[in-house]
């Protein structure tokens, strides 16, 4: 199994068999860090950290040279620098990343209309219907890698397979700057040789539950009675892993465009001047946004704050996240941090919180650690209580009190679906 630092990389020979394949998973290599190197070639070959102010911010991305010292995204920059003291830290330039992402996605659409973006730097492509134009899936993948490099100066890794799940695993194994093809006939063997942690959606806790029972490889899952898997992962989790281990993944590439925001805002009965009250309201709104994200199966890659003052002047602030989230505590922390940077020169008439740049929950590989694990369990408990007793049954003690709002309606209450142009 390849590692996040690029060691253990596995790639296909030029003559690799691509029979029965049609799905490509394309993943840009260390995207943020690669863009910084593209714009400043003197950084090439050096351990590079893209993140906030040294010692205070978090790592948004890291070059493979830094990853080999144990640096990972979502780690604090202070910890990262202790692991790799010689690393160079650069602040992120999200507008630049977004512009290059749009360029890359357009290159994907030039190949096939069936493109499903997972995040700013990765997507699934279904090339089954464009073979007469571009060749076999393997040939298309090779051409696409060359095109991305020639047009953007960036490298990508591609997995080619008969299902989304296997294509995702293959692209991970081939990183960086690689191509790995898994034919339909070779899928069972390919999966059987992988550790259980390679399966898409197996997190640390699930992996520990399996490994504690001696189930370390996918081949072990195949030999394990379903009842044992049920006890380890629960019926729903074991059912999903049972199917994936056998190469069964019916999910199609979904090219539907999703409106990229879910939010709540409120207008106060009286203008508010107390920052403590406003922070409490932000916490309440953040919990509502998070609940709607979870209900819809989404995670937000950006959190935005909206403020309207007494004179109707309206401002907004936003922050992009290294990892998308639907955790209420995390969304509230970010909204309150954004609020803390605003000069309250006037009383506040309206306040709002919005989750933007949505993606399907669990669309990426789970990290090896989860700083929000405790709060995820709290959210799960709250969701269960609200489902049984109603939305108003449970709330934070810190937000109890009389209603201060004229309304607290969701903005863009249901993400709209429309075909990509």
Protein backbone atom coordinates (compact mmCIF):
# COMPACT_ATOMS: atom_id res chain seq x y z
CA UNK A 1 0.00 0.00 0.00
CA UNK A 2 1.33 3.41 -0.95
CA UNK A 3 1.69 5.97 1.80
CA UNK A 4 0.74 9.63 1.93
CA UNK A 5 4.37 10.60 1.52
CA UNK A 6 4.68 8.88 -1.87
CA UNK A 7 6.72 5.89 -0.73
CA UNK A 8 5.46 2.46 -1.71
CA UNK A 9 4.10 3.92 -4.96
CA UNK A 10 2.57 1.43 -7.43
CA UNK A 11 2.05 2.22 -11.14
CA UNK A 12 0.98 0.32 -14.24
CA UNK A 13 3.12 -0.62 -17.21
CA UNK A 14 2.29 1.00 -20.54
CA UNK A 15 0.72 -2.21 -21.81
CA UNK A 16 -1.49 -2.74 -18.73
CA UNK A 17 -4.84 -4.40 -19.38
CA UNK A 18 -7.80 -2.02 -18.98
CA UNK A 19 -10.52 -4.46 -20.05
CA UNK A 20 -13.85 -3.84 -18.33
CA UNK A 21 -12.89 -0.44 -16.93
CA UNK A 22 -14.62 2.90 -17.46
CA UNK A 23 -14.12 4.93 -14.26
CA UNK A 24 -11.20 7.32 -13.72
CA UNK A 25 -10.39 8.88 -10.38
CA UNK A 26 -8.13 11.88 -10.96
CA UNK A 27 -6.38 13.42 -7.96
CA UNK A 28 -4.01 16.37 -8.17
CA UNK A 29 -0.74 15.77 -6.31
CA UNK A 30 -0.31 17.83 -3.10
CA UNK A 31 -2.39 20.46 -4.88
CA UNK A 32 -1.91 23.58 -2.72
CA UNK A 33 1.80 22.92 -2.26
CA UNK A 34 2.22 22.15 -5.96
CA UNK A 35 0.60 25.45 -6.92
CA UNK A 36 2.98 27.32 -4.61
CA UNK A 37 5.94 25.59 -6.27
CA UNK A 38 4.49 26.39 -9.69
CA UNK A 39 4.40 30.09 -8.77
CA UNK A 40 7.79 30.04 -7.04
CA UNK A 41 10.08 27.40 -8.61
CA UNK A 42 12.75 28.05 -5.98
CA UNK A 43 10.56 25.99 -3.62
CA UNK A 44 10.84 22.88 -5.79
CA UNK A 45 12.28 19.83 -4.03
CA UNK A 46 12.07 21.45 -0.58
CA UNK A 47 9.90 20.52 2.39
CA UNK A 48 7.00 22.95 2.07
CA UNK A 49 4.07 23.62 4.40
CA UNK A 50 1.03 25.59 3.27
CA UNK A 51 -0.69 26.93 6.35
CA UNK A 52 -1.44 29.80 8.69
CA UNK A 53 0.87 31.84 10.86
CA UNK A 54 3.65 29.72 12.27
CA UNK A 55 2.69 28.04 15.53
CA UNK A 56 -0.95 29.18 15.33
CA UNK A 57 -2.46 28.02 12.06
CA UNK A 58 -3.07 24.56 10.66
CA UNK A 59 -1.47 22.77 7.75
CA UNK A 60 -3.64 23.03 4.63
CA UNK A 61 -1.20 21.05 2.49
CA UNK A 62 2.38 19.86 2.48
CA UNK A 63 4.83 18.82 -0.19
CA UNK A 64 5.88 15.18 -0.36
CA UNK A 65 9.29 16.18 0.98
CA UNK A 66 7.60 17.46 4.15
CA UNK A 67 5.21 14.51 4.37
CA UNK A 68 8.16 12.14 4.68
CA UNK A 69 8.84 13.76 8.07
CA UNK A 70 5.27 12.99 9.19
CA UNK A 71 3.69 16.33 8.29
CA UNK A 72 -0.01 15.98 7.42
CA UNK A 73 -2.93 18.28 6.60
CA UNK A 74 -5.03 19.51 9.55
CA UNK A 75 -1.97 19.28 11.83
CA UNK A 76 -1.03 22.47 13.63
CA UNK A 77 1.84 24.32 11.99
CA UNK A 78 3.70 24.30 15.31
CA UNK A 79 3.62 20.50 15.48
CA UNK A 80 4.56 20.26 11.79
CA UNK A 81 7.63 22.43 12.34
CA UNK A 82 8.74 20.31 15.26
CA UNK A 83 8.58 17.27 12.96
CA UNK A 84 10.30 19.09 10.10
CA UNK A 85 12.18 22.16 11.42
CA UNK A 86 13.71 22.90 8.01
CA UNK A 87 10.30 23.22 6.32
CA UNK A 88 9.35 26.42 4.55
CA UNK A 89 5.94 27.79 5.56
CA UNK A 90 3.88 29.75 3.03
CA UNK A 91 0.43 31.24 3.56
CA UNK A 92 -2.33 29.75 1.38
CA UNK A 93 -3.61 31.58 -1.70
CA UNK A 94 -7.10 30.15 -2.08
CA UNK A 95 -8.12 32.36 -5.00
CA UNK A 96 -5.19 30.99 -6.99
CA UNK A 97 -6.05 27.40 -6.06
CA UNK A 98 -9.67 27.93 -7.08
CA UNK A 99 -8.67 29.40 -10.44
CA UNK A 100 -6.42 26.45 -11.25
CA UNK A 101 -9.07 24.03 -10.04
CA UNK A 102 -11.56 25.49 -12.50
CA UNK A 103 -9.00 25.12 -15.27
CA UNK A 104 -8.34 21.49 -14.38
CA UNK A 105 -12.04 20.65 -14.12
CA UNK A 106 -12.59 22.15 -17.56
CA UNK A 107 -9.93 19.83 -18.95
CA UNK A 108 -11.90 16.92 -17.47
CA UNK A 109 -15.10 18.19 -19.10
CA UNK A 110 -13.27 18.43 -22.41
CA UNK A 111 -12.94 14.64 -22.25
CA UNK A 112 -16.40 13.65 -20.99
CA UNK A 113 -19.54 15.36 -19.67
CA UNK A 114 -19.70 12.75 -16.90
CA UNK A 115 -17.48 14.46 -14.32
CA UNK A 116 -18.17 14.30 -10.58
CA UNK A 117 -15.97 16.69 -8.57
CA UNK A 118 -15.23 15.46 -5.05
CA UNK A 119 -13.28 18.50 -3.91
CA UNK A 120 -11.18 21.31 -5.31
CA UNK A 121 -8.51 18.89 -6.56
CA UNK A 122 -10.12 15.54 -7.38
CA UNK A 123 -12.93 14.10 -9.47
CA UNK A 124 -14.42 10.95 -10.93
CA UNK A 125 -14.82 10.64 -14.70
CA UNK A 126 -16.92 8.09 -16.55
CA UNK A 127 -15.28 7.59 -19.97
CA UNK A 128 -17.34 4.60 -21.07
CA UNK A 129 -19.21 6.62 -23.67
CA UNK A 130 -16.26 8.46 -25.25
CA UNK A 131 -14.02 5.57 -26.30
CA UNK A 132 -14.63 6.17 -30.00
CA UNK A 133 -13.39 9.72 -29.57
CA UNK A 134 -10.43 9.23 -27.25
CA UNK A 135 -9.54 5.52 -27.06
CA UNK A 136 -9.58 3.01 -24.21
CA UNK A 137 -9.82 4.16 -20.57
CA UNK A 138 -6.08 3.56 -20.12
CA UNK A 139 -5.27 5.62 -23.20
CA UNK A 140 -7.61 8.39 -22.06
CA UNK A 141 -5.92 8.47 -18.65
CA UNK A 142 -2.45 8.77 -20.18
CA UNK A 143 -3.57 11.57 -22.51
CA UNK A 144 -5.31 13.39 -19.68
CA UNK A 145 -2.23 13.29 -17.46
CA UNK A 146 -0.15 14.77 -20.28
CA UNK A 147 -2.77 17.44 -20.98
CA UNK A 148 -3.02 18.51 -17.34
CA UNK A 149 0.76 18.80 -17.12
CA UNK A 150 1.07 20.73 -20.40
CA UNK A 151 -1.84 23.09 -19.71
CA UNK A 152 -1.31 23.80 -16.00
CA UNK A 153 2.24 22.73 -15.10
CA UNK A 154 0.79 20.46 -12.39
CA UNK A 155 0.87 16.70 -12.03
CA UNK A 156 -2.00 14.39 -11.19
CA UNK A 157 -2.42 10.72 -10.34
CA UNK A 158 -5.13 8.59 -11.90
CA UNK A 159 -6.74 5.32 -10.94
CA UNK A 160 -8.60 3.42 -13.68
CA UNK A 161 -11.08 0.70 -12.73
CA UNK A 162 -14.55 -0.68 -13.22
CA UNK A 163 -15.93 1.00 -10.05
CA UNK A 164 -15.48 4.28 -8.22
CA UNK A 165 -14.22 2.58 -5.07
CA UNK A 166 -11.42 0.67 -6.78
CA UNK A 167 -10.45 3.68 -8.94
CA UNK A 168 -10.09 5.77 -5.77
CA UNK A 169 -7.84 3.19 -4.12
CA UNK A 170 -5.77 2.89 -7.31
CA UNK A 171 -5.13 6.62 -7.60
CA UNK A 172 -3.98 6.74 -3.97
CA UNK A 173 -1.55 3.89 -4.55
CA UNK A 174 -0.07 5.57 -7.64
CA UNK A 175 0.68 8.94 -6.04
CA UNK A 176 2.49 11.07 -6.84
CA UNK A 177 2.37 11.55 -10.62
CA UNK A 178 1.30 8.00 -11.39
CA UNK A 179 -1.26 5.88 -13.20
CA UNK A 180 -2.60 2.56 -11.92
CA UNK A 181 -5.06 0.47 -13.95
CA UNK A 182 -7.09 -2.36 -12.40
CA UNK A 183 -8.96 -4.45 -14.96
CA UNK A 184 -12.36 -5.88 -14.12
CA UNK A 185 -10.90 -9.40 -14.07
CA UNK A 186 -8.12 -8.35 -11.68
CA UNK A 187 -10.35 -6.49 -9.22
CA UNK A 188 -10.83 -9.34 -6.75
CA UNK A 189 -7.10 -10.07 -6.49
CA UNK A 190 -6.25 -6.38 -6.29
CA UNK A 191 -8.61 -5.81 -3.38
CA UNK A 192 -7.69 -9.03 -1.55
CA UNK A 193 -4.05 -7.88 -1.33
CA UNK A 194 -4.93 -4.55 0.31
CA UNK A 195 -5.00 -3.86 4.07
CA UNK A 196 -8.45 -3.16 5.48
CA UNK A 197 -7.51 0.48 6.02
CA UNK A 198 -7.30 0.90 2.24
CA UNK A 199 -11.06 0.46 1.84
CA UNK A 200 -12.83 3.75 1.25
CA UNK A 201 -14.62 4.75 4.45
CA UNK A 202 -12.71 2.54 6.90
CA UNK A 203 -11.59 4.95 9.62
CA UNK A 204 -9.24 4.39 12.54
CA UNK A 205 -11.92 3.06 14.91
CA UNK A 206 -13.36 0.65 12.37
CA UNK A 207 -9.87 -0.50 11.43
CA UNK A 208 -8.99 -1.12 15.07
CA UNK A 209 -12.24 -3.06 15.57
CA UNK A 210 -11.37 -5.31 12.63
CA UNK A 211 -7.68 -5.67 13.39
CA UNK A 212 -8.50 -6.54 17.00
CA UNK A 213 -10.27 -9.60 15.62
CA UNK A 214 -7.35 -10.53 13.39
CA UNK A 215 -8.95 -9.05 10.27
CA UNK A 216 -6.06 -7.12 8.79
CA UNK A 217 -6.32 -7.66 5.05
CA UNK A 218 -9.28 -7.46 2.68
CA UNK A 219 -8.74 -11.18 2.07
CA UNK A 220 -9.48 -11.67 5.79
CA UNK A 221 -12.82 -9.91 5.35
CA UNK A 222 -13.69 -12.38 2.60
CA UNK A 223 -13.01 -15.27 4.98
CA UNK A 224 -14.86 -13.79 7.96
CA UNK A 225 -18.46 -14.77 8.81
CA UNK A 226 -20.93 -11.93 8.39
CA UNK A 227 -21.98 -12.21 12.04
CA UNK A 228 -18.43 -11.37 13.16
CA UNK A 229 -18.36 -8.31 10.92
CA UNK A 230 -21.75 -7.25 12.30
CA UNK A 231 -20.39 -7.33 15.83
CA UNK A 232 -17.28 -5.39 14.83
CA UNK A 233 -18.88 -2.67 12.68
CA UNK A 234 -22.61 -2.88 13.18
CA UNK A 235 -25.04 -4.17 10.54
CA UNK A 236 -24.89 -1.10 8.28
CA UNK A 237 -21.11 -0.79 8.37
CA UNK A 238 -20.50 -4.48 7.87
CA UNK A 239 -22.91 -4.60 4.93
CA UNK A 240 -21.05 -1.81 3.16
CA UNK A 241 -17.62 -3.32 3.80
CA UNK A 242 -18.86 -6.80 2.80
CA UNK A 243 -19.84 -5.44 -0.62
CA UNK A 244 -16.78 -3.24 -1.17
CA UNK A 245 -14.38 -6.05 -0.28
CA UNK A 246 -15.94 -8.06 -3.09
CA UNK A 247 -15.62 -5.26 -5.59
CA UNK A 248 -19.34 -4.45 -5.57
CA UNK A 249 -19.93 -0.70 -5.90
CA UNK A 250 -23.05 0.27 -7.88
CA UNK A 251 -22.53 4.03 -7.54
CA UNK A 252 -22.47 5.87 -10.85
CA UNK A 253 -20.48 9.00 -11.63
CA UNK A 254 -22.93 11.82 -10.83
CA UNK A 255 -22.38 14.92 -12.98
CA UNK A 256 -25.21 16.86 -11.30
CA UNK A 257 -24.25 20.33 -10.14
CA UNK A 258 -25.04 21.10 -6.51
CA UNK A 259 -25.64 24.58 -5.20
CA UNK A 260 -22.68 25.12 -2.93
CA UNK A 261 -24.20 26.52 0.25
CA UNK A 262 -26.53 25.87 3.18
CA UNK A 263 -27.11 28.62 5.71
CA UNK A 264 -29.23 30.14 8.45
CA UNK A 265 -29.61 33.80 9.31
CA UNK A 266 -31.77 35.83 11.67
CA UNK A 267 -32.92 39.41 12.01
CA UNK A 268 -33.15 40.60 15.60
CA UNK A 269 -36.23 42.19 17.15
CA UNK A 270 -33.87 44.80 18.55
CA UNK A 271 -30.34 45.63 17.39
CA UNK A 272 -27.75 43.83 19.50
CA UNK A 273 -24.59 45.39 20.90
CA UNK A 274 -23.46 42.68 23.34
CA UNK A 275 -20.72 40.51 21.73
CA UNK A 276 -21.51 37.66 24.13
CA UNK A 277 -25.09 37.54 22.91
CA UNK A 278 -23.96 37.56 19.30
CA UNK A 279 -21.49 34.74 19.91
CA UNK A 280 -24.28 32.71 21.51
CA UNK A 281 -26.50 33.30 18.48
CA UNK A 282 -23.69 32.25 16.17
CA UNK A 283 -23.33 29.01 18.10
CA UNK A 284 -27.05 28.32 17.73
CA UNK A 285 -27.04 29.10 14.00
CA UNK A 286 -23.93 26.98 13.47
CA UNK A 287 -25.64 24.00 15.11
CA UNK A 288 -28.63 24.43 12.80
CA UNK A 289 -26.42 24.65 9.71
CA UNK A 290 -24.53 21.55 10.83
CA UNK A 291 -27.75 19.62 11.43
CA UNK A 292 -29.01 20.45 7.94
CA UNK A 293 -25.68 19.46 6.42
CA UNK A 294 -25.81 16.09 8.14
CA UNK A 295 -29.46 15.63 7.19
CA UNK A 296 -28.61 16.24 3.55
CA UNK A 297 -25.46 14.13 3.59
CA UNK A 298 -23.14 17.11 3.00
CA UNK A 299 -19.95 18.57 4.41
CA UNK A 300 -18.91 22.22 4.02
CA UNK A 301 -15.48 23.22 2.74
CA UNK A 302 -15.93 26.90 3.64
CA UNK A 303 -17.70 28.63 6.54
CA UNK A 304 -19.07 32.15 6.00
CA UNK A 305 -20.28 34.80 8.44
CA UNK A 306 -22.80 37.53 7.52
CA UNK A 307 -23.45 40.67 9.55
CA UNK A 308 -25.90 43.53 8.88
CA UNK A 309 -25.50 46.60 11.04
CA UNK A 310 -28.09 49.10 12.26
CA UNK A 311 -27.56 51.33 9.22
CA UNK A 312 -28.12 48.28 6.93
CA UNK A 313 -24.45 48.07 5.99
CA UNK A 314 -23.79 44.38 5.33
CA UNK A 315 -20.47 42.58 5.47
CA UNK A 316 -19.40 38.97 5.04
CA UNK A 317 -16.32 37.04 6.06
CA UNK A 318 -15.38 33.46 5.17
CA UNK A 319 -12.74 30.86 5.85
CA UNK A 320 -11.86 27.81 3.75
CA UNK A 321 -11.14 24.62 5.66
CA UNK A 322 -8.34 22.11 5.19
CA UNK A 323 -10.95 19.36 5.68
CA UNK A 324 -14.69 19.74 4.99
CA UNK A 325 -16.97 19.36 8.02
CA UNK A 326 -20.55 19.01 9.22
CA UNK A 327 -19.64 19.17 12.93
CA UNK A 328 -21.58 21.87 14.78
CA UNK A 329 -18.81 22.68 17.24
CA UNK A 330 -16.26 23.16 14.44
CA UNK A 331 -18.59 25.37 12.38
CA UNK A 332 -19.42 27.44 15.44
CA UNK A 333 -15.77 27.87 16.40
CA UNK A 334 -14.93 29.15 12.93
CA UNK A 335 -17.92 31.51 12.78
CA UNK A 336 -17.06 32.94 16.19
CA UNK A 337 -13.42 33.36 15.18
CA UNK A 338 -14.50 35.26 12.05
CA UNK A 339 -16.80 37.39 14.19
CA UNK A 340 -13.94 38.20 16.56
CA UNK A 341 -12.06 39.85 13.72
CA UNK A 342 -14.89 42.31 12.97
CA UNK A 343 -14.93 45.82 14.41
CA UNK A 344 -18.38 46.26 15.98
CA UNK A 345 -18.71 49.97 15.31
CA UNK A 346 -22.53 49.71 15.30
CA UNK A 347 -25.25 47.51 16.76
CA UNK A 348 -26.04 44.39 14.77
CA UNK A 349 -29.42 43.97 13.05
CA UNK A 350 -28.89 40.61 11.30
CA UNK A 351 -26.46 37.75 11.69
CA UNK A 352 -25.96 34.60 9.65
CA UNK A 353 -23.81 31.48 9.24
CA UNK A 354 -23.39 29.61 5.99
CA UNK A 355 -21.65 26.40 4.92
CA UNK A 356 -20.30 26.69 1.38
CA UNK A 357 -18.44 24.53 -1.18
CA UNK A 358 -20.45 21.48 -0.24
CA UNK A 359 -19.45 17.94 -1.02
CA UNK A 360 -20.89 14.56 -0.17
CA UNK A 361 -20.14 13.50 3.39
CA UNK A 362 -17.41 10.89 3.50
CA UNK A 363 -16.36 11.66 -0.06
CA UNK A 364 -12.69 11.67 0.83
CA UNK A 365 -10.51 9.12 2.55
CA UNK A 366 -10.74 9.46 6.31
CA UNK A 367 -7.75 10.93 8.09
CA UNK A 368 -5.69 8.82 10.44
CA UNK A 369 -6.95 10.94 13.34
CA UNK A 370 -10.11 12.92 14.00
CA UNK A 371 -9.88 15.91 16.33
CA UNK A 372 -13.67 16.25 16.17
CA UNK A 373 -14.46 12.66 17.15
CA UNK A 374 -15.98 13.67 20.51
CA UNK A 375 -18.17 16.35 18.93
CA UNK A 376 -19.28 13.96 16.19
CA UNK A 377 -20.60 11.63 18.88
CA UNK A 378 -22.40 14.57 20.52
CA UNK A 379 -23.98 15.53 17.18
CA UNK A 380 -25.08 11.94 16.59
CA UNK A 381 -26.74 11.84 20.01
CA UNK A 382 -28.46 15.19 19.41
CA UNK A 383 -29.67 14.09 15.97
CA UNK A 384 -31.16 10.96 17.53
CA UNK A 385 -32.91 12.91 20.28
CA UNK A 386 -34.32 15.47 17.85
CA UNK A 387 -35.57 12.72 15.56
CA UNK A 388 -37.49 11.17 18.44
CA UNK A 389 -38.70 14.24 20.34
CA UNK A 390 -38.60 17.12 17.85
CA UNK A 391 -36.08 19.74 16.79
CA UNK A 392 -36.64 21.94 19.86
CA UNK A 393 -36.21 19.09 22.33
CA UNK A 394 -32.45 19.46 22.81
CA UNK A 395 -30.20 22.49 22.56
CA UNK A 396 -27.09 23.96 24.11
CA UNK A 397 -27.48 25.44 27.59
CA UNK A 398 -25.46 28.44 26.42
CA UNK A 399 -28.14 29.46 23.91
CA UNK A 400 -31.18 29.10 26.17
CA UNK A 401 -33.25 32.23 26.70
CA UNK A 402 -35.95 34.31 25.07
CA UNK A 403 -36.10 34.59 21.29
CA UNK A 404 -34.35 37.69 19.99
CA UNK A 405 -35.01 37.13 16.32
CA UNK A 406 -37.79 38.24 14.01
CA UNK A 407 -37.08 35.12 11.96
CA UNK A 408 -34.34 32.58 11.76
CA UNK A 409 -35.00 31.04 8.41
CA UNK A 410 -32.59 28.95 6.37
CA UNK A 411 -31.06 30.52 3.31
CA UNK A 412 -31.08 28.25 0.25
CA UNK A 413 -32.99 25.62 2.27
CA UNK A 414 -32.59 22.84 -0.30
CA UNK A 415 -29.53 22.59 -2.53
CA UNK A 416 -30.78 22.87 -6.10
CA UNK A 417 -29.81 20.30 -8.70
CA UNK A 418 -29.27 21.18 -12.33
CA UNK A 419 -27.27 19.51 -15.09
CA UNK A 420 -23.86 20.99 -15.78
CA UNK A 421 -23.85 23.22 -18.83
